[in-house]
Amino acid sequence: MAIRHSLLRRTAPIGAVALCGALLAACSGAGGAGGSTGAQSHSINVLMVNNPQMADLQKLTAANFTKATGITVNFTVLPENDVRDKITQDFSSQAGQYDVATISNYEVPIYSKNGWLAPLTSHAQADTAFDQSDILPSIQQSLTANGQIYAEPFYGESSFLMYRKDVFAAKKLTMPANPTWDQVATLAAAADGAQPGMKGICLRGQPGWGEVIAPLTTVVNTMGGTWFDKNWTAEVNSPAFTKATDFYVNLVRAHGEAGAPQAGFTECLNDMEQGKVAMWYDATSAAGALDGAGSPVAGKMGYVPAPVDRTKSSGWLYTWAWGLQKASKHQDDAWKFISWASSKQYETLVGNTLGWSKVPAGKRTSTYSNAQYLAAASAFAQPTLTALTTADPQNPGVQPRPAPGIQFVGIPEFEDLGTQVSQQISSAIAGQTSVASALKSGQTLAAKVGAQHAGQ
């Protein structure tokens, strides 16, 4: 999920300047008064993934947050795979180079157990303007460990199927309200070539446990597979896991986007916007860009739940959230940034300055009762909320699991395991190896991880 953007500084629009006064309360938080007086030397370092919502944050920070608080924010922005490596290096060593970083519900329980994160509960309790009770329960639970909140969400997401309504109408194709993967494959074949150069579907093929493995694992879950059974026995080359992977690889090879082995979230987003694909299964957070002002496909998109096979639902649960490094020497200033970036007031700022469809949603209950947001996001607001509330990290498949997680397994080793297996899957998509060979290698790796946990 990566889009490269440079840091842009703009003069705040009149509405944004007016909003600064309202933001001061949220920016003050615990540990100090807001306002720029006497705070000009304050600065924090933020390391974050280069997704569209983060690029918007960069555009708005200097003219709003820094103007209101006097705190300069130095951003380091990297593609997803790169940023994960850098965050792990800095937080695990407690080097303190970065005060705040974008982490997810995968990292929170692991990082907090290792003592790499500063708990945020006391900050949130003291900062009543932040309104912690407004955070969606499923998102807050995913960022909580041992009763402590360790990260605050910037946006939350599940996954669903996006498709071009106009293309389907022209081809006389009907999208089911709750499609199965078999139905999607049939539709992909029918939509392939519907317009010059258009392929039937976009599915991630780029290596990375957070890239190809994320959507693939939801297919594995709904088709009856799992990475490990309840006793930590590896199931990577089981019949169900193999069936799902064969299906995914064959579908993207037959009717998927050009350059699929290198395509991740960003590439599929670009392909969808540019009319190169008719369907895309991926994160609900993509809808804001697709239906945003200036998008070539705005108003042409339809959204239905994640396709299924043996389960009733299969959407993932994920949040890009703000984690505060325990070694940070600027924790009060860091909280002010976190509370601003995750606030209701920031959503209003984005809505008023960039457009309501671009609000980093999926984290607050109030977002889904905001009339301005609902008017702009009418096509995807309810499908997103439904996907978020039906996702079940504790029970995502047809059998008991030894660890939570839908599109990942919630253990430290999965980052390396998923990445190595993803490289093999990507090679299969490229036609350089077979699915059977890829999963045989994956089974060997997974068996070693399973044996370690079974012996604990």
Protein backbone atom coordinates (compact mmCIF):
# COMPACT_ATOMS: atom_id res chain seq x y z
CA MET A 1 0.00 0.00 0.00
CA ALA A 2 2.42 2.64 -1.10
CA ILE A 3 2.28 5.86 -3.05
CA ARG A 4 5.32 8.12 -3.26
CA HIS A 5 4.68 11.72 -2.29
CA SER A 6 6.98 14.56 -1.28
CA LEU A 7 6.13 16.75 1.70
CA LEU A 8 3.97 19.60 0.48
CA ARG A 9 3.40 22.76 2.52
CA ARG A 10 0.43 24.94 1.72
CA THR A 11 -1.01 28.09 3.15
CA ALA A 12 -4.03 27.06 5.16
CA PRO A 13 -7.38 27.76 3.53
CA ILE A 14 -9.65 30.16 5.43
CA GLY A 15 -11.74 27.30 6.76
CA ALA A 16 -8.64 25.48 8.01
CA VAL A 17 -7.39 28.59 9.84
CA ALA A 18 -10.74 28.98 11.51
CA LEU A 19 -10.62 25.34 12.53
CA CYS A 20 -7.25 25.74 14.27
CA GLY A 21 -8.91 27.29 17.31
CA ALA A 22 -11.12 24.25 17.68
CA LEU A 23 -8.12 21.99 17.22
CA LEU A 24 -6.13 23.58 20.03
CA ALA A 25 -8.01 21.66 22.69
CA ALA A 26 -7.37 18.39 20.92
CA CYS A 27 -3.75 19.33 20.27
CA SER A 28 -3.05 20.30 23.87
CA GLY A 29 -3.75 16.91 25.39
CA ALA A 30 -1.94 15.80 28.49
CA GLY A 31 1.40 17.24 29.41
CA GLY A 32 1.32 20.87 28.33
CA ALA A 33 -0.61 23.80 27.00
CA GLY A 34 -1.32 24.25 23.31
CA GLY A 35 -0.38 27.24 21.20
CA SER A 36 2.91 28.22 19.66
CA THR A 37 4.14 30.54 22.39
CA GLY A 38 7.40 29.25 23.77
CA ALA A 39 7.12 26.03 21.77
CA GLN A 40 8.93 26.97 18.58
CA SER A 41 11.85 24.65 19.33
CA HIS A 42 9.60 21.61 19.76
CA SER A 43 9.79 18.94 17.09
CA ILE A 44 9.05 15.25 16.68
CA ASN A 45 10.06 12.65 14.11
CA VAL A 46 7.32 10.57 12.50
CA LEU A 47 7.97 7.48 10.37
CA MET A 48 5.04 6.44 8.22
CA VAL A 49 3.87 4.42 5.25
CA ASN A 50 3.33 6.38 2.04
CA ASN A 51 -0.38 5.74 1.53
CA PRO A 52 -2.71 8.44 0.12
CA GLN A 53 -4.20 9.29 3.52
CA MET A 54 -0.71 9.91 4.93
CA ALA A 55 0.12 12.16 1.98
CA ASP A 56 -2.96 14.22 2.86
CA LEU A 57 -1.75 14.43 6.45
CA GLN A 58 1.56 15.85 5.26
CA LYS A 59 -0.22 18.56 3.29
CA LEU A 60 -2.21 19.67 6.33
CA THR A 61 0.25 19.34 9.22
CA ALA A 62 2.36 22.51 8.97
CA ALA A 63 -0.52 24.92 8.35
CA ASN A 64 -2.72 23.40 11.05
CA PHE A 65 -1.05 21.25 13.70
CA THR A 66 2.28 23.10 13.76
CA LYS A 67 0.56 26.49 13.56
CA ALA A 68 -1.65 25.57 16.52
CA THR A 69 0.99 23.96 18.73
CA GLY A 70 4.40 25.17 17.59
CA ILE A 71 5.49 21.54 17.20
CA THR A 72 7.36 20.82 13.97
CA VAL A 73 6.76 17.36 12.52
CA ASN A 74 9.61 15.80 10.55
CA PHE A 75 8.16 13.06 8.35
CA THR A 76 10.02 10.08 6.93
CA VAL A 77 7.80 8.35 4.39
CA LEU A 78 8.53 4.94 2.85
CA PRO A 79 6.75 2.15 0.92
CA GLU A 80 5.05 -0.47 3.08
CA ASN A 81 7.69 -3.20 3.03
CA ASP A 82 10.49 -0.69 3.62
CA VAL A 83 8.73 1.17 6.40
CA ARG A 84 8.00 -2.06 8.29
CA ASP A 85 11.70 -2.95 8.26
CA LYS A 86 12.77 0.49 9.45
CA ILE A 87 10.15 0.64 12.21
CA THR A 88 11.14 -2.80 13.48
CA GLN A 89 14.83 -1.82 13.53
CA ASP A 90 14.29 1.45 15.36
CA PHE A 91 11.69 0.27 17.86
CA SER A 92 13.39 -3.04 18.66
CA SER A 93 16.66 -1.28 19.44
CA GLN A 94 14.81 1.54 21.24
CA ALA A 95 17.10 3.91 19.38
CA GLY A 96 14.55 6.68 19.70
CA GLN A 97 15.28 8.13 16.26
CA TYR A 98 11.54 8.22 15.62
CA ASP A 99 9.02 9.28 18.23
CA VAL A 100 5.93 8.06 16.38
CA ALA A 101 5.44 5.44 13.67
CA THR A 102 2.58 3.92 11.72
CA ILE A 103 2.06 0.42 13.07
CA SER A 104 -0.85 -1.96 12.74
CA ASN A 105 -2.93 -4.33 14.80
CA TYR A 106 -0.41 -7.01 13.86
CA GLU A 107 2.50 -5.23 15.56
CA VAL A 108 0.72 -3.87 18.64
CA PRO A 109 0.51 -7.07 20.75
CA ILE A 110 4.06 -8.04 19.74
CA TYR A 111 5.66 -4.64 20.28
CA SER A 112 3.84 -4.04 23.56
CA LYS A 113 4.89 -7.43 24.93
CA ASN A 114 8.50 -6.58 24.05
CA GLY A 115 8.30 -3.24 25.83
CA TRP A 116 8.84 -1.16 22.68
CA LEU A 117 5.69 0.99 22.96
CA ALA A 118 4.63 3.61 25.48
CA PRO A 119 1.06 2.95 26.66
CA LEU A 120 -1.37 5.68 25.66
CA THR A 121 -4.23 4.98 28.07
CA SER A 122 -3.37 7.75 30.54
CA HIS A 123 -2.93 10.28 27.72
CA ALA A 124 -6.29 9.34 26.22
CA GLN A 125 -8.04 9.53 29.58
CA ALA A 126 -6.61 12.98 30.33
CA ASP A 127 -7.38 14.29 26.84
CA THR A 128 -11.18 14.39 27.00
CA ALA A 129 -11.39 16.23 23.65
CA PHE A 130 -9.95 13.14 21.98
CA ASP A 131 -13.02 11.06 22.96
CA GLN A 132 -11.60 7.56 23.18
CA SER A 133 -15.11 6.13 23.58
CA ASP A 134 -15.83 7.12 19.98
CA ILE A 135 -13.24 4.68 18.57
CA LEU A 136 -14.93 1.67 16.94
CA PRO A 137 -14.84 -1.25 19.42
CA SER A 138 -13.27 -3.72 16.97
CA ILE A 139 -10.48 -1.26 16.17
CA GLN A 140 -9.80 -0.29 19.79
CA GLN A 141 -9.72 -3.93 20.86
CA SER A 142 -7.17 -4.70 18.16
CA LEU A 143 -4.87 -1.96 19.52
CA THR A 144 -5.22 -2.94 23.17
CA ALA A 145 -3.03 -5.40 25.08
CA ASN A 146 -3.30 -6.36 28.75
CA GLY A 147 -5.83 -3.63 29.34
CA GLN A 148 -3.64 -0.85 27.93
CA ILE A 149 -4.14 1.10 24.72
CA TYR A 150 -0.85 1.05 22.79
CA ALA A 151 -1.80 2.82 19.55
CA GLU A 152 -4.47 5.15 18.21
CA PRO A 153 -5.94 4.52 14.75
CA PHE A 154 -5.42 6.85 11.80
CA TYR A 155 -7.82 4.81 9.71
CA GLY A 156 -9.33 1.35 9.84
CA GLU A 157 -10.16 -1.01 7.04
CA SER A 158 -11.60 -4.33 6.11
CA SER A 159 -11.69 -5.69 2.58
CA PHE A 160 -14.37 -5.84 -0.10
CA LEU A 161 -14.85 -6.24 -3.83
CA MET A 162 -14.87 -3.08 -5.95
CA TYR A 163 -16.19 -3.08 -9.51
CA ARG A 164 -17.09 -0.77 -12.38
CA LYS A 165 -20.86 -0.50 -12.50
CA ASP A 166 -20.82 1.10 -15.94
CA VAL A 167 -18.67 -1.66 -17.41
CA PHE A 168 -20.92 -4.33 -15.92
CA ALA A 169 -24.01 -2.58 -17.29
CA ALA A 170 -22.50 -2.32 -20.77
CA LYS A 171 -21.60 -6.02 -20.73
CA LYS A 172 -24.97 -6.93 -19.15
CA LEU A 173 -23.21 -8.48 -16.16
CA THR A 174 -24.83 -8.66 -12.73
CA MET A 175 -22.79 -8.47 -9.53
CA PRO A 176 -24.38 -10.59 -6.77
CA ALA A 177 -25.07 -8.83 -3.47
CA ASN A 178 -22.85 -11.37 -1.70
CA PRO A 179 -20.61 -12.96 -4.35
CA THR A 180 -18.76 -16.23 -4.10
CA TRP A 181 -15.24 -16.57 -5.44
CA ASP A 182 -16.50 -18.87 -8.19
CA GLN A 183 -18.93 -16.16 -9.30
CA VAL A 184 -16.13 -13.59 -9.25
CA ALA A 185 -13.95 -15.79 -11.45
CA THR A 186 -16.78 -16.12 -13.96
CA LEU A 187 -17.33 -12.35 -13.94
CA ALA A 188 -13.61 -11.68 -14.34
CA ALA A 189 -13.55 -13.81 -17.48
CA ALA A 190 -16.62 -12.05 -18.86
CA ALA A 191 -15.28 -8.55 -18.10
CA ASP A 192 -11.82 -9.25 -19.49
CA GLY A 193 -11.46 -7.03 -22.56
CA ALA A 194 -14.71 -5.16 -21.88
CA GLN A 195 -12.81 -2.00 -22.83
CA PRO A 196 -9.53 -1.79 -24.77
CA GLY A 197 -6.71 -2.98 -22.56
CA MET A 198 -9.00 -3.73 -19.62
CA LYS A 199 -8.47 -6.90 -17.56
CA GLY A 200 -11.14 -8.62 -15.51
CA ILE A 201 -9.70 -8.18 -12.00
CA CYS A 202 -6.79 -6.85 -10.00
CA LEU A 203 -5.35 -9.01 -7.21
CA ARG A 204 -2.12 -8.30 -5.40
CA GLY A 205 0.88 -10.34 -6.52
CA GLN A 206 3.67 -8.29 -4.98
CA PRO A 207 5.81 -10.12 -2.40
CA GLY A 208 5.26 -9.16 1.22
CA TRP A 209 3.27 -10.57 4.13
CA GLY A 210 1.22 -7.37 4.01
CA GLU A 211 0.92 -7.47 0.22
CA VAL A 212 -0.02 -10.68 -1.66
CA ILE A 213 -0.39 -12.71 1.54
CA ALA A 214 -3.15 -10.48 2.92
CA PRO A 215 -5.82 -11.05 0.24
CA LEU A 216 -4.62 -14.59 -0.44
CA THR A 217 -5.04 -15.60 3.21
CA THR A 218 -8.67 -14.42 3.21
CA VAL A 219 -9.26 -16.70 0.23
CA VAL A 220 -7.51 -19.54 2.08
CA ASN A 221 -9.73 -18.95 5.13
CA THR A 222 -13.03 -19.01 3.27
CA MET A 223 -12.02 -22.04 1.20
CA GLY A 224 -11.37 -24.04 4.35
CA GLY A 225 -7.62 -23.62 4.81
CA THR A 226 -5.43 -22.28 7.59
CA TRP A 227 -1.72 -21.66 8.18
CA PHE A 228 -1.80 -23.75 11.39
CA ASP A 229 -4.38 -25.96 13.06
CA LYS A 230 -5.22 -25.48 16.74
CA ASN A 231 -2.24 -27.63 17.75
CA TRP A 232 0.24 -25.59 15.67
CA THR A 233 0.51 -28.25 12.97
CA ALA A 234 1.44 -26.48 9.73
CA GLU A 235 -1.21 -26.70 7.00
CA VAL A 236 0.40 -24.69 4.20
CA ASN A 237 0.39 -27.54 1.67
CA SER A 238 -2.91 -29.01 2.81
CA PRO A 239 -5.59 -29.66 0.17
CA ALA A 240 -7.65 -26.62 1.22
CA PHE A 241 -4.68 -24.22 1.30
CA THR A 242 -3.53 -25.59 -2.06
CA LYS A 243 -7.00 -25.26 -3.60
CA ALA A 244 -7.24 -21.61 -2.53
CA THR A 245 -3.76 -20.73 -3.74
CA ASP A 246 -4.28 -22.49 -7.07
CA PHE A 247 -7.53 -20.57 -7.49
CA TYR A 248 -5.91 -17.20 -6.67
CA VAL A 249 -2.84 -17.74 -8.86
CA ASN A 250 -4.83 -19.08 -11.79
CA LEU A 251 -7.36 -16.22 -11.60
CA VAL A 252 -4.76 -13.47 -11.61
CA ARG A 253 -2.70 -15.18 -14.32
CA ALA A 254 -5.74 -15.67 -16.56
CA HIS A 255 -7.66 -12.43 -16.03
CA GLY A 256 -5.54 -10.25 -13.76
CA GLU A 257 -3.63 -7.03 -14.24
CA ALA A 258 -0.47 -6.59 -16.27
CA GLY A 259 2.66 -6.91 -14.14
CA ALA A 260 0.79 -8.83 -11.44
CA PRO A 261 3.91 -10.22 -9.70
CA GLN A 262 4.93 -6.63 -8.89
CA ALA A 263 1.44 -5.29 -8.19
CA GLY A 264 0.50 -4.31 -4.66
CA PHE A 265 -2.15 -2.01 -3.24
CA THR A 266 -0.76 1.06 -4.98
CA GLU A 267 -0.48 -0.52 -8.40
CA CYS A 268 -4.01 -1.94 -8.24
CA LEU A 269 -5.38 1.42 -7.10
CA ASN A 270 -3.72 3.08 -10.08
CA ASP A 271 -5.02 0.39 -12.44
CA MET A 272 -8.56 0.80 -11.14
CA GLU A 273 -8.45 4.58 -11.46
CA GLN A 274 -6.98 4.39 -14.96
CA GLY A 275 -9.61 1.97 -16.26
CA LYS A 276 -7.21 -0.93 -16.69
CA VAL A 277 -9.27 -3.39 -14.60
CA ALA A 278 -12.99 -4.01 -14.12
CA MET A 279 -12.83 -5.38 -10.55
CA TRP A 280 -10.50 -5.20 -7.59
CA TYR A 281 -10.56 -7.13 -4.32
CA ASP A 282 -8.70 -5.18 -1.65
CA ALA A 283 -8.90 -2.77 1.27
CA THR A 284 -12.06 -0.77 1.97
CA SER A 285 -9.84 2.29 2.46
CA ALA A 286 -9.29 2.45 -1.30
CA ALA A 287 -12.86 3.60 -1.89
CA GLY A 288 -12.21 7.14 -0.71
CA ALA A 289 -9.63 7.63 -3.44
CA LEU A 290 -11.69 5.92 -6.13
CA ASP A 291 -14.79 7.99 -5.41
CA GLY A 292 -12.92 11.15 -4.49
CA ALA A 293 -13.02 14.45 -6.34
CA GLY A 294 -10.93 14.27 -9.49
CA SER A 295 -10.94 10.48 -9.71
CA PRO A 296 -11.66 9.30 -13.28
CA VAL A 297 -13.92 6.56 -11.90
CA ALA A 298 -15.80 8.58 -9.26
CA GLY A 299 -19.48 7.67 -9.34
CA LYS A 300 -18.83 4.60 -11.47
CA MET A 301 -17.85 2.25 -8.65
CA GLY A 302 -19.85 -0.44 -6.89
CA TYR A 303 -18.90 -2.17 -3.63
CA VAL A 304 -19.94 -5.59 -2.32
CA PRO A 305 -18.67 -7.79 0.53
CA ALA A 306 -15.49 -9.82 0.28
CA PRO A 307 -16.19 -12.93 -1.82
CA VAL A 308 -16.73 -16.17 0.08
CA ASP A 309 -16.77 -19.91 -0.38
CA ARG A 310 -17.39 -21.86 2.84
CA THR A 311 -17.69 -18.98 5.33
CA LYS A 312 -20.38 -16.30 5.67
CA SER A 313 -17.86 -13.46 5.51
CA SER A 314 -14.16 -13.19 4.72
CA GLY A 315 -13.09 -9.55 5.00
CA TRP A 316 -9.94 -8.76 6.91
CA LEU A 317 -9.49 -6.32 9.83
CA TYR A 318 -6.63 -3.87 9.72
CA THR A 319 -5.71 -0.45 10.98
CA TRP A 320 -2.82 1.85 10.34
CA ALA A 321 -2.32 3.40 13.73
CA TRP A 322 0.08 5.69 15.58
CA GLY A 323 2.47 3.99 17.99
CA LEU A 324 4.67 5.97 20.39
CA GLN A 325 8.16 4.58 20.92
CA LYS A 326 8.85 3.98 24.60
CA ALA A 327 12.34 5.51 24.23
CA SER A 328 10.97 8.78 22.83
CA LYS A 329 12.12 11.87 24.72
CA HIS A 330 9.18 13.88 23.38
CA GLN A 331 6.22 11.86 24.56
CA ASP A 332 3.90 14.76 25.41
CA ASP A 333 4.50 16.43 22.04
CA ALA A 334 4.12 13.05 20.34
CA TRP A 335 0.74 12.52 22.01
CA LYS A 336 -0.41 15.93 20.81
CA PHE A 337 0.35 14.86 17.24
CA ILE A 338 -1.26 11.43 17.68
CA SER A 339 -4.41 12.85 19.24
CA TRP A 340 -4.71 15.45 16.47
CA ALA A 341 -4.12 12.99 13.61
CA SER A 342 -6.67 10.52 15.05
CA SER A 343 -9.26 13.10 16.10
CA LYS A 344 -12.75 13.92 14.93
CA GLN A 345 -11.49 17.45 14.34
CA TYR A 346 -8.89 16.19 11.88
CA GLU A 347 -11.58 14.32 9.94
CA THR A 348 -13.53 17.59 9.73
CA LEU A 349 -10.40 19.40 8.54
CA VAL A 350 -9.88 16.86 5.75
CA GLY A 351 -13.53 16.99 4.78
CA ASN A 352 -13.62 20.77 4.59
CA THR A 353 -10.29 21.20 2.78
CA LEU A 354 -9.74 18.09 0.67
CA GLY A 355 -13.23 16.61 0.34
CA TRP A 356 -15.30 14.38 2.60
CA SER A 357 -14.66 11.23 0.58
CA LYS A 358 -10.97 11.54 1.53
CA VAL A 359 -11.57 11.41 5.28
CA PRO A 360 -9.39 8.69 6.89
CA ALA A 361 -12.40 6.73 8.06
CA GLY A 362 -13.04 3.30 9.55
CA LYS A 363 -12.03 4.20 13.10
CA ARG A 364 -14.74 6.32 14.75
CA THR A 365 -18.43 5.64 15.32
CA SER A 366 -19.25 9.33 14.81
CA THR A 367 -17.92 9.25 11.24
CA TYR A 368 -20.85 7.05 10.23
CA SER A 369 -23.44 9.48 11.57
CA ASN A 370 -21.79 12.55 10.01
CA ALA A 371 -24.19 13.78 7.34
CA GLN A 372 -21.46 15.47 5.29
CA TYR A 373 -19.33 12.33 5.21
CA LEU A 374 -22.27 10.07 4.42
CA ALA A 375 -23.33 12.32 1.54
CA ALA A 376 -19.86 12.12 -0.04
CA ALA A 377 -19.27 8.45 0.81
CA SER A 378 -22.78 7.15 0.15
CA ALA A 379 -21.50 4.46 -2.22
CA PHE A 380 -19.11 2.86 0.24
CA ALA A 381 -19.74 4.06 3.82
CA GLN A 382 -22.22 1.35 4.77
CA PRO A 383 -20.34 -1.49 2.99
CA THR A 384 -17.20 -0.40 4.84
CA LEU A 385 -18.90 -0.25 8.24
CA THR A 386 -20.54 -3.63 7.65
CA ALA A 387 -17.20 -5.18 6.72
CA LEU A 388 -15.51 -3.73 9.80
CA THR A 389 -18.19 -4.94 12.18
CA THR A 390 -18.46 -8.46 10.74
CA ALA A 391 -14.72 -9.20 10.66
CA ASP A 392 -13.79 -11.77 13.30
CA PRO A 393 -10.04 -12.09 13.97
CA GLN A 394 -10.66 -14.84 16.53
CA ASN A 395 -12.63 -17.09 14.17
CA PRO A 396 -11.95 -16.26 10.51
CA GLY A 397 -12.22 -19.74 9.02
CA VAL A 398 -13.89 -23.11 9.39
CA GLN A 399 -11.64 -24.49 12.14
CA PRO A 400 -10.16 -23.35 15.48
CA ARG A 401 -6.92 -21.34 15.25
CA PRO A 402 -4.00 -21.20 17.69
CA ALA A 403 -3.55 -17.41 17.30
CA PRO A 404 -5.79 -14.50 16.26
CA GLY A 405 -5.69 -12.82 12.87
CA ILE A 406 -7.59 -12.89 9.59
CA GLN A 407 -5.08 -11.95 6.88
CA PHE A 408 -2.12 -12.79 9.13
CA VAL A 409 -1.24 -15.08 12.02
CA GLY A 410 -0.71 -13.02 15.16
CA ILE A 411 2.77 -14.27 16.07
CA PRO A 412 6.16 -12.53 15.69
CA GLU A 413 7.46 -15.18 13.31
CA PHE A 414 4.74 -14.53 10.75
CA GLU A 415 6.46 -11.43 9.41
CA ASP A 416 9.38 -13.53 8.17
CA LEU A 417 7.33 -16.64 7.39
CA GLY A 418 4.72 -14.72 5.41
CA THR A 419 7.36 -12.75 3.55
CA GLN A 420 9.27 -15.88 2.49
CA VAL A 421 6.11 -17.68 1.39
CA SER A 422 4.96 -14.55 -0.44
CA GLN A 423 8.09 -14.61 -2.55
CA GLN A 424 7.27 -18.14 -3.65
CA ILE A 425 3.64 -17.24 -4.40
CA SER A 426 4.73 -14.24 -6.42
CA SER A 427 7.06 -16.49 -8.40
CA ALA A 428 4.13 -18.80 -9.11
CA ILE A 429 2.10 -15.85 -10.38
CA ALA A 430 5.04 -14.98 -12.63
CA GLY A 431 5.09 -18.57 -13.93
CA GLN A 432 8.56 -19.20 -12.56
CA THR A 433 7.49 -21.97 -10.18
CA SER A 434 4.43 -24.10 -9.52
CA VAL A 435 1.96 -23.58 -6.69
CA ALA A 436 2.78 -27.08 -5.43
CA SER A 437 6.48 -26.24 -5.24
CA ALA A 438 5.79 -22.87 -3.62
CA LEU A 439 3.62 -24.40 -0.93
CA LYS A 440 6.01 -27.28 -0.34
CA SER A 441 8.69 -24.75 0.56
CA GLY A 442 6.18 -22.83 2.64
CA GLN A 443 5.17 -25.96 4.53
CA THR A 444 8.78 -26.62 5.54
CA LEU A 445 9.13 -23.09 6.89
CA ALA A 446 5.76 -23.14 8.64
CA ALA A 447 6.45 -26.52 10.24
CA LYS A 448 9.53 -25.09 11.97
CA VAL A 449 7.50 -22.18 13.33
CA GLY A 450 4.71 -24.47 14.44
CA ALA A 451 7.09 -26.81 16.23
CA GLN A 452 8.50 -23.89 18.22
CA HIS A 453 5.06 -22.84 19.41
CA ALA A 454 3.83 -26.36 20.04
CA GLY A 455 6.75 -26.89 22.39
CA GLN A 456 6.01 -23.79 24.47
